[in-house]
Amino acid sequence: MSEYRRAHIPGGAYFFTVKTFERKPVLTHEHYRIALREAITEVRGRLPFDSLAWVLLPDHIHTIWKLPEGDVDYSLRWSLIKQHVTRKCAERTQEVLVSQSRQKRREGTIWQRRFWEHLIRDDRDFRRHIDYIHYNPVKHGYVSKVVD
């Protein structure tokens, strides 16, 4: 099993990419959007974080979070968000053959197992990732201009 080295800087700002399982384009469907919004609200109530930027596309999310001083546990936050959405949307998820590995970990078929994280190093890095979030819908052909 791979060992992932993640940055853990208390109170840090992090850029995340979270994808759906097999890049299924479900996240912009109303039921999934509502479940995701509920999950974020619920998790933020228990484990605060500031969302500095966010883009929701059909098969992935990009966001920048700022964690409270002394807190590094973004993995728990993502786990709880994913669990909430999976529970709320289970009846809408198509049955697919799930590998033994996913069964063993009790993983559903909405989310990719892991997520990508990047510690924001400075203001320049922050602006670069904000620009990336703004441009991402253009890159994927959902809009023709960033202002859209």
C-alpha atoms as a PDB file:
ATOM      1  CA  MET A   1       0.000   0.000   0.000  1.00  0.00           C
ATOM      2  CA  SER A   2       1.276   3.444  -0.852  1.00  0.00           C
ATOM      3  CA  GLU A   3       2.243   5.807   1.918  1.00  0.00           C
ATOM      4  CA  TYR A   4       1.163   9.341   1.126  1.00  0.00           C
ATOM      5  CA  ARG A   5       3.123  12.203   2.589  1.00  0.00           C
ATOM      6  CA  ARG A   6       0.841  15.108   3.252  1.00  0.00           C
ATOM      7  CA  ALA A   7       1.669  18.590   4.437  1.00  0.00           C
ATOM      8  CA  HIS A   8       0.334  19.274   7.903  1.00  0.00           C
ATOM      9  CA  ILE A   9       0.835  22.896   8.882  1.00  0.00           C
ATOM     10  CA  PRO A  10      -1.475  23.970  11.719  1.00  0.00           C
ATOM     11  CA  GLY A  11      -3.709  26.818  10.588  1.00  0.00           C
ATOM     12  CA  GLY A  12      -2.479  26.458   7.010  1.00  0.00           C
ATOM     13  CA  ALA A  13      -4.289  27.168   3.760  1.00  0.00           C
ATOM     14  CA  TYR A  14      -4.644  24.207   1.405  1.00  0.00           C
ATOM     15  CA  PHE A  15      -5.740  23.707  -2.185  1.00  0.00           C
ATOM     16  CA  PHE A  16      -7.681  20.476  -2.761  1.00  0.00           C
ATOM     17  CA  THR A  17      -8.859  18.467  -5.729  1.00  0.00           C
ATOM     18  CA  VAL A  18     -11.502  15.855  -4.945  1.00  0.00           C
ATOM     19  CA  LYS A  19     -12.785  13.638  -7.758  1.00  0.00           C
ATOM     20  CA  THR A  20     -15.713  11.308  -8.212  1.00  0.00           C
ATOM     21  CA  PHE A  21     -15.219   7.581  -8.646  1.00  0.00           C
ATOM     22  CA  GLU A  22     -14.355   6.855 -12.274  1.00  0.00           C
ATOM     23  CA  ARG A  23     -14.966  10.573 -12.963  1.00  0.00           C
ATOM     24  CA  LYS A  24     -18.748  10.098 -12.990  1.00  0.00           C
ATOM     25  CA  PRO A  25     -20.362  13.489 -13.771  1.00  0.00           C
ATOM     26  CA  VAL A  26     -22.834  13.566 -10.868  1.00  0.00           C
ATOM     27  CA  LEU A  27     -21.818  16.409  -8.564  1.00  0.00           C
ATOM     28  CA  THR A  28     -23.785  19.121 -10.357  1.00  0.00           C
ATOM     29  CA  HIS A  29     -27.031  17.136 -10.173  1.00  0.00           C
ATOM     30  CA  GLU A  30     -29.348  18.825  -7.699  1.00  0.00           C
ATOM     31  CA  HIS A  31     -29.515  15.967  -5.188  1.00  0.00           C
ATOM     32  CA  TYR A  32     -25.710  15.687  -5.006  1.00  0.00           C
ATOM     33  CA  ARG A  33     -25.237  19.476  -4.801  1.00  0.00           C
ATOM     34  CA  ILE A  34     -27.698  19.720  -1.933  1.00  0.00           C
ATOM     35  CA  ALA A  35     -26.087  16.788  -0.106  1.00  0.00           C
ATOM     36  CA  LEU A  36     -22.643  18.332  -0.596  1.00  0.00           C
ATOM     37  CA  ARG A  37     -23.819  21.713   0.717  1.00  0.00           C
ATOM     38  CA  GLU A  38     -25.394  20.003   3.760  1.00  0.00           C
ATOM     39  CA  ALA A  39     -22.220  18.018   4.377  1.00  0.00           C
ATOM     40  CA  ILE A  40     -20.011  21.084   4.258  1.00  0.00           C
ATOM     41  CA  THR A  41     -22.324  23.005   6.591  1.00  0.00           C
ATOM     42  CA  GLU A  42     -22.497  20.094   9.026  1.00  0.00           C
ATOM     43  CA  VAL A  43     -18.749  19.433   9.029  1.00  0.00           C
ATOM     44  CA  ARG A  44     -17.911  23.135   9.274  1.00  0.00           C
ATOM     45  CA  GLY A  45     -20.187  23.320  12.337  1.00  0.00           C
ATOM     46  CA  ARG A  46     -18.209  20.569  14.059  1.00  0.00           C
ATOM     47  CA  LEU A  47     -14.746  21.195  12.623  1.00  0.00           C
ATOM     48  CA  PRO A  48     -14.475  24.811  11.447  1.00  0.00           C
ATOM     49  CA  PHE A  49     -12.627  25.913   8.338  1.00  0.00           C
ATOM     50  CA  ASP A  50     -12.853  28.876   5.996  1.00  0.00           C
ATOM     51  CA  SER A  51     -13.546  28.211   2.343  1.00  0.00           C
ATOM     52  CA  LEU A  52     -11.534  30.821   0.414  1.00  0.00           C
ATOM     53  CA  ALA A  53     -12.395  29.611  -3.097  1.00  0.00           C
ATOM     54  CA  TRP A  54     -14.493  26.861  -4.591  1.00  0.00           C
ATOM     55  CA  VAL A  55     -15.483  25.433  -7.955  1.00  0.00           C
ATOM     56  CA  LEU A  56     -17.855  22.514  -8.371  1.00  0.00           C
ATOM     57  CA  LEU A  57     -17.716  20.680 -11.681  1.00  0.00           C
ATOM     58  CA  PRO A  58     -19.662  17.530 -12.627  1.00  0.00           C
ATOM     59  CA  ASP A  59     -16.839  15.138 -11.740  1.00  0.00           C
ATOM     60  CA  HIS A  60     -14.530  17.048  -9.405  1.00  0.00           C
ATOM     61  CA  ILE A  61     -14.120  19.864  -6.918  1.00  0.00           C
ATOM     62  CA  HIS A  62     -11.315  22.361  -6.444  1.00  0.00           C
ATOM     63  CA  THR A  63     -11.259  24.391  -3.257  1.00  0.00           C
ATOM     64  CA  ILE A  64      -8.960  26.317  -0.960  1.00  0.00           C
ATOM     65  CA  TRP A  65      -9.512  25.980   2.764  1.00  0.00           C
ATOM     66  CA  LYS A  66      -7.953  27.849   5.653  1.00  0.00           C
ATOM     67  CA  LEU A  67      -7.878  25.775   8.817  1.00  0.00           C
ATOM     68  CA  PRO A  68      -8.045  27.214  12.337  1.00  0.00           C
ATOM     69  CA  GLU A  69      -4.794  27.874  14.170  1.00  0.00           C
ATOM     70  CA  GLY A  70      -3.478  24.670  15.716  1.00  0.00           C
ATOM     71  CA  ASP A  71      -5.595  22.413  13.469  1.00  0.00           C
ATOM     72  CA  VAL A  72      -4.247  20.206  10.660  1.00  0.00           C
ATOM     73  CA  ASP A  73      -6.991  17.612  10.219  1.00  0.00           C
ATOM     74  CA  TYR A  74      -8.353  18.300   6.752  1.00  0.00           C
ATOM     75  CA  SER A  75      -8.426  14.537   6.063  1.00  0.00           C
ATOM     76  CA  LEU A  76     -11.106  13.997   8.704  1.00  0.00           C
ATOM     77  CA  ARG A  77     -13.145  16.868   7.262  1.00  0.00           C
ATOM     78  CA  TRP A  78     -13.014  15.367   3.747  1.00  0.00           C
ATOM     79  CA  SER A  79     -13.836  11.918   5.093  1.00  0.00           C
ATOM     80  CA  LEU A  80     -16.932  13.234   6.885  1.00  0.00           C
ATOM     81  CA  ILE A  81     -18.056  15.257   3.852  1.00  0.00           C
ATOM     82  CA  LYS A  82     -17.680  12.264   1.556  1.00  0.00           C
ATOM     83  CA  GLN A  83     -19.503   9.972   4.005  1.00  0.00           C
ATOM     84  CA  HIS A  84     -22.424  12.381   4.302  1.00  0.00           C
ATOM     85  CA  VAL A  85     -22.842  12.723   0.536  1.00  0.00           C
ATOM     86  CA  THR A  86     -22.514   8.961   0.076  1.00  0.00           C
ATOM     87  CA  ARG A  87     -25.244   8.275   2.660  1.00  0.00           C
ATOM     88  CA  LYS A  88     -27.587  10.937   1.266  1.00  0.00           C
ATOM     89  CA  CYS A  89     -27.125   9.874  -2.360  1.00  0.00           C
ATOM     90  CA  ALA A  90     -26.840   6.105  -1.966  1.00  0.00           C
ATOM     91  CA  GLU A  91     -30.225   5.412  -3.537  1.00  0.00           C
ATOM     92  CA  ARG A  92     -29.298   7.512  -6.586  1.00  0.00           C
ATOM     93  CA  THR A  93     -25.953   5.820  -7.169  1.00  0.00           C
ATOM     94  CA  GLN A  94     -25.933   3.228  -9.905  1.00  0.00           C
ATOM     95  CA  GLU A  95     -24.951  -0.219  -8.778  1.00  0.00           C
ATOM     96  CA  VAL A  96     -21.557  -1.081 -10.203  1.00  0.00           C
ATOM     97  CA  LEU A  97     -19.204  -3.908  -9.494  1.00  0.00           C
ATOM     98  CA  VAL A  98     -17.097  -2.750  -6.559  1.00  0.00           C
ATOM     99  CA  SER A  99     -13.637  -4.196  -6.097  1.00  0.00           C
ATOM    100  CA  GLN A 100     -12.793  -6.227  -3.016  1.00  0.00           C
ATOM    101  CA  SER A 101     -10.488  -3.425  -1.944  1.00  0.00           C
ATOM    102  CA  ARG A 102     -13.349  -0.883  -2.005  1.00  0.00           C
ATOM    103  CA  GLN A 103     -15.653  -3.359  -0.239  1.00  0.00           C
ATOM    104  CA  LYS A 104     -13.042  -3.976   2.458  1.00  0.00           C
ATOM    105  CA  ARG A 105     -12.740  -0.236   3.084  1.00  0.00           C
ATOM    106  CA  ARG A 106     -16.542   0.180   2.955  1.00  0.00           C
ATOM    107  CA  GLU A 107     -16.199   2.662   0.111  1.00  0.00           C
ATOM    108  CA  GLY A 108     -19.095   3.537  -2.105  1.00  0.00           C
ATOM    109  CA  THR A 109     -19.080   4.434  -5.760  1.00  0.00           C
ATOM    110  CA  ILE A 110     -19.420   8.214  -5.571  1.00  0.00           C
ATOM    111  CA  TRP A 111     -15.929   9.347  -4.570  1.00  0.00           C
ATOM    112  CA  GLN A 112     -12.415   8.539  -5.621  1.00  0.00           C
ATOM    113  CA  ARG A 113     -10.579   7.063  -2.649  1.00  0.00           C
ATOM    114  CA  ARG A 114      -8.080   9.826  -2.112  1.00  0.00           C
ATOM    115  CA  PHE A 115      -7.844  13.539  -2.744  1.00  0.00           C
ATOM    116  CA  TRP A 116      -5.031  15.802  -3.835  1.00  0.00           C
ATOM    117  CA  GLU A 117      -3.819  18.503  -1.480  1.00  0.00           C
ATOM    118  CA  HIS A 118      -1.303  21.310  -1.828  1.00  0.00           C
ATOM    119  CA  LEU A 119      -0.125  23.575   0.978  1.00  0.00           C
ATOM    120  CA  ILE A 120      -0.425  27.212  -0.082  1.00  0.00           C
ATOM    121  CA  ARG A 121       3.050  28.629   0.480  1.00  0.00           C
ATOM    122  CA  ASP A 122       2.610  32.377   0.043  1.00  0.00           C
ATOM    123  CA  ASP A 123       0.454  35.103  -1.548  1.00  0.00           C
ATOM    124  CA  ARG A 124       1.779  34.390  -5.040  1.00  0.00           C
ATOM    125  CA  ASP A 125       0.957  30.691  -4.693  1.00  0.00           C
ATOM    126  CA  PHE A 126      -2.493  31.596  -3.352  1.00  0.00           C
ATOM    127  CA  ARG A 127      -3.231  33.892  -6.330  1.00  0.00           C
ATOM    128  CA  ARG A 128      -2.020  31.214  -8.757  1.00  0.00           C
ATOM    129  CA  HIS A 129      -4.408  28.638  -7.274  1.00  0.00           C
ATOM    130  CA  ILE A 130      -7.303  31.108  -7.202  1.00  0.00           C
ATOM    131  CA  ASP A 131      -6.675  31.739 -10.904  1.00  0.00           C
ATOM    132  CA  TYR A 132      -6.643  27.990 -11.506  1.00  0.00           C
ATOM    133  CA  ILE A 133     -10.012  27.616  -9.773  1.00  0.00           C
ATOM    134  CA  HIS A 134     -11.474  30.482 -11.804  1.00  0.00           C
ATOM    135  CA  TYR A 135     -10.143  29.100 -15.097  1.00  0.00           C
ATOM    136  CA  ASN A 136     -11.053  25.446 -14.513  1.00  0.00           C
ATOM    137  CA  PRO A 137     -14.632  25.621 -15.906  1.00  0.00           C
ATOM    138  CA  VAL A 138     -13.196  27.194 -19.083  1.00  0.00           C
ATOM    139  CA  LYS A 139     -10.518  24.519 -19.314  1.00  0.00           C
ATOM    140  CA  HIS A 140     -13.181  21.795 -19.202  1.00  0.00           C
ATOM    141  CA  GLY A 141     -15.473  23.533 -21.688  1.00  0.00           C
ATOM    142  CA  TYR A 142     -18.352  24.388 -19.338  1.00  0.00           C
ATOM    143  CA  VAL A 143     -18.089  28.123 -20.029  1.00  0.00           C
ATOM    144  CA  SER A 144     -16.278  30.149 -22.675  1.00  0.00           C
ATOM    145  CA  LYS A 145     -14.920  32.904 -20.406  1.00  0.00           C
ATOM    146  CA  VAL A 146     -13.842  33.053 -16.758  1.00  0.00           C
ATOM    147  CA  VAL A 147     -16.467  35.724 -16.016  1.00  0.00           C
ATOM    148  CA  ASP A 148     -19.191  33.269 -17.053  1.00  0.00           C
END
